[in-house]
Amino acid sequence: MAEDPGSSVISGSPPPARGGLSLADIAELVAEAAVLLYVQPAQRRRLAESRKKRHEAVKQSA
């Protein structure tokens, strides 16, 4: 019996279904979604607060 060239003997994970996503692909998508939903909004909020403080400092010194 010939070994399936798509199987992953080393990692122990089965190959993705034809046209499907592997578990690693799904984990990567979830990680990307977490960054988009939680990390980036917090970063934008911190940057906006920093800009506001700089703007207020310049206004007070003028």
N, C-alpha and C. Protein backbone atom coordinates (compact mmCIF):
# COMPACT_ATOMS: atom_id res chain seq x y z
N MET A 1 0.85 -1.18 0.00
CA MET A 1 0.00 0.00 0.00
C MET A 1 0.89 1.24 0.00
N ALA A 2 0.64 2.20 -0.88
CA ALA A 2 1.43 3.41 -1.01
C ALA A 2 0.96 4.43 0.01
N GLU A 3 1.91 5.20 0.55
CA GLU A 3 1.58 6.23 1.52
C GLU A 3 1.00 7.45 0.79
N ASP A 4 -0.01 8.04 1.39
CA ASP A 4 -0.63 9.23 0.83
C ASP A 4 0.37 10.38 0.89
N PRO A 5 0.73 10.98 -0.25
CA PRO A 5 1.72 12.07 -0.22
C PRO A 5 1.24 13.30 0.53
N GLY A 6 -0.06 13.42 0.75
CA GLY A 6 -0.58 14.57 1.47
C GLY A 6 -0.60 14.40 2.97
N SER A 7 -0.33 13.19 3.46
CA SER A 7 -0.37 12.99 4.91
C SER A 7 0.87 13.55 5.56
N SER A 8 0.70 13.93 6.79
CA SER A 8 1.81 14.53 7.53
C SER A 8 2.24 13.55 8.62
N VAL A 9 3.18 12.70 8.30
CA VAL A 9 3.64 11.70 9.24
C VAL A 9 4.45 12.36 10.35
N ILE A 10 5.23 13.37 9.99
CA ILE A 10 6.11 14.01 10.97
C ILE A 10 5.28 14.76 12.02
N SER A 11 4.35 15.58 11.60
CA SER A 11 3.59 16.38 12.56
C SER A 11 2.49 15.57 13.24
N GLY A 12 2.10 14.47 12.66
CA GLY A 12 1.06 13.65 13.25
C GLY A 12 -0.35 14.13 12.95
N SER A 13 -0.47 15.24 12.23
CA SER A 13 -1.80 15.74 11.92
C SER A 13 -2.23 15.24 10.55
N PRO A 14 -3.51 14.96 10.41
CA PRO A 14 -3.99 14.49 9.12
C PRO A 14 -3.98 15.63 8.11
N PRO A 15 -3.93 15.32 6.85
CA PRO A 15 -3.96 16.37 5.83
C PRO A 15 -5.34 17.01 5.80
N PRO A 16 -5.42 18.24 5.35
CA PRO A 16 -6.73 18.87 5.26
C PRO A 16 -7.56 18.18 4.18
N ALA A 17 -8.86 18.24 4.36
CA ALA A 17 -9.75 17.69 3.34
C ALA A 17 -9.54 18.46 2.05
N ARG A 18 -9.81 17.83 0.95
CA ARG A 18 -9.61 18.48 -0.34
C ARG A 18 -10.38 19.80 -0.36
N GLY A 19 -9.66 20.88 -0.53
CA GLY A 19 -10.29 22.20 -0.56
C GLY A 19 -10.58 22.76 0.82
N GLY A 20 -10.23 22.01 1.88
CA GLY A 20 -10.53 22.46 3.24
C GLY A 20 -9.33 23.10 3.91
N LEU A 21 -9.51 23.48 5.14
CA LEU A 21 -8.45 24.10 5.91
C LEU A 21 -7.93 23.12 6.96
N SER A 22 -6.64 23.17 7.20
CA SER A 22 -6.07 22.34 8.25
C SER A 22 -6.29 23.04 9.59
N LEU A 23 -6.04 22.33 10.67
CA LEU A 23 -6.17 22.90 12.00
C LEU A 23 -5.20 24.07 12.17
N ALA A 24 -4.01 23.95 11.62
CA ALA A 24 -3.03 25.05 11.69
C ALA A 24 -3.54 26.28 10.95
N ASP A 25 -4.19 26.08 9.81
CA ASP A 25 -4.76 27.21 9.05
C ASP A 25 -5.83 27.92 9.88
N ILE A 26 -6.68 27.14 10.52
CA ILE A 26 -7.75 27.71 11.33
C ILE A 26 -7.17 28.45 12.53
N ALA A 27 -6.15 27.88 13.17
CA ALA A 27 -5.52 28.54 14.31
C ALA A 27 -4.91 29.87 13.89
N GLU A 28 -4.30 29.91 12.72
CA GLU A 28 -3.72 31.15 12.21
C GLU A 28 -4.80 32.20 11.95
N LEU A 29 -5.92 31.77 11.39
CA LEU A 29 -7.02 32.71 11.14
C LEU A 29 -7.59 33.26 12.45
N VAL A 30 -7.70 32.42 13.46
CA VAL A 30 -8.21 32.87 14.76
C VAL A 30 -7.24 33.87 15.38
N ALA A 31 -5.94 33.60 15.28
CA ALA A 31 -4.94 34.52 15.82
C ALA A 31 -5.00 35.87 15.10
N GLU A 32 -5.15 35.85 13.79
CA GLU A 32 -5.25 37.10 13.03
C GLU A 32 -6.51 37.87 13.42
N ALA A 33 -7.61 37.16 13.61
CA ALA A 33 -8.86 37.80 14.00
C ALA A 33 -8.73 38.45 15.38
N ALA A 34 -8.04 37.78 16.30
CA ALA A 34 -7.84 38.34 17.64
C ALA A 34 -7.06 39.64 17.56
N VAL A 35 -6.05 39.68 16.71
CA VAL A 35 -5.26 40.91 16.55
C VAL A 35 -6.16 42.01 15.99
N LEU A 36 -6.93 41.70 14.98
CA LEU A 36 -7.79 42.72 14.36
C LEU A 36 -8.86 43.23 15.31
N LEU A 37 -9.43 42.32 16.12
CA LEU A 37 -10.55 42.70 16.97
C LEU A 37 -10.13 43.32 18.30
N TYR A 38 -8.99 42.90 18.85
CA TYR A 38 -8.63 43.33 20.19
C TYR A 38 -7.34 44.14 20.27
N VAL A 39 -6.31 43.74 19.58
CA VAL A 39 -5.01 44.40 19.71
C VAL A 39 -5.00 45.73 18.96
N GLN A 40 -5.40 45.72 17.71
CA GLN A 40 -5.34 46.95 16.92
C GLN A 40 -6.22 48.07 17.49
N PRO A 41 -7.45 47.79 17.93
CA PRO A 41 -8.25 48.88 18.51
C PRO A 41 -7.57 49.50 19.75
N ALA A 42 -6.96 48.67 20.57
CA ALA A 42 -6.26 49.18 21.75
C ALA A 42 -5.06 50.03 21.34
N GLN A 43 -4.34 49.58 20.32
CA GLN A 43 -3.20 50.36 19.83
C GLN A 43 -3.66 51.71 19.28
N ARG A 44 -4.73 51.70 18.50
CA ARG A 44 -5.25 52.96 17.95
C ARG A 44 -5.70 53.90 19.06
N ARG A 45 -6.33 53.33 20.10
CA ARG A 45 -6.78 54.15 21.22
C ARG A 45 -5.59 54.80 21.94
N ARG A 46 -4.51 54.02 22.17
CA ARG A 46 -3.32 54.58 22.81
C ARG A 46 -2.68 55.67 21.95
N LEU A 47 -2.61 55.44 20.64
CA LEU A 47 -2.04 56.46 19.76
C LEU A 47 -2.89 57.73 19.77
N ALA A 48 -4.19 57.59 19.76
CA ALA A 48 -5.08 58.76 19.79
C ALA A 48 -4.90 59.53 21.09
N GLU A 49 -4.76 58.81 22.21
CA GLU A 49 -4.55 59.47 23.49
C GLU A 49 -3.22 60.22 23.50
N SER A 50 -2.19 59.63 22.93
CA SER A 50 -0.89 60.28 22.85
C SER A 50 -0.96 61.55 22.00
N ARG A 51 -1.64 61.47 20.86
CA ARG A 51 -1.79 62.65 20.00
C ARG A 51 -2.53 63.76 20.74
N LYS A 52 -3.59 63.38 21.45
CA LYS A 52 -4.38 64.36 22.18
C LYS A 52 -3.53 65.05 23.24
N LYS A 53 -2.73 64.28 23.98
CA LYS A 53 -1.86 64.87 25.01
C LYS A 53 -0.83 65.80 24.39
N ARG A 54 -0.25 65.39 23.27
CA ARG A 54 0.74 66.27 22.60
C ARG A 54 0.07 67.56 22.13
N HIS A 55 -1.10 67.42 21.56
CA HIS A 55 -1.84 68.58 21.07
C HIS A 55 -2.16 69.54 22.21
N GLU A 56 -2.62 68.98 23.34
CA GLU A 56 -2.95 69.81 24.49
C GLU A 56 -1.71 70.48 25.06
N ALA A 57 -0.57 69.77 25.06
CA ALA A 57 0.68 70.35 25.57
C ALA A 57 1.13 71.51 24.71
N VAL A 58 1.01 71.38 23.40
CA VAL A 58 1.40 72.45 22.49
C VAL A 58 0.47 73.64 22.68
N LYS A 59 -0.82 73.37 22.87
CA LYS A 59 -1.80 74.44 23.07
C LYS A 59 -1.50 75.23 24.34
N GLN A 60 -1.12 74.55 25.41
CA GLN A 60 -0.85 75.20 26.69
C GLN A 60 0.44 76.02 26.63
N SER A 61 1.43 75.53 25.87
CA SER A 61 2.71 76.24 25.82
C SER A 61 2.67 77.46 24.89
N ALA A 62 1.66 77.54 24.06
CA ALA A 62 1.59 78.66 23.10
C ALA A 62 0.95 79.88 23.70
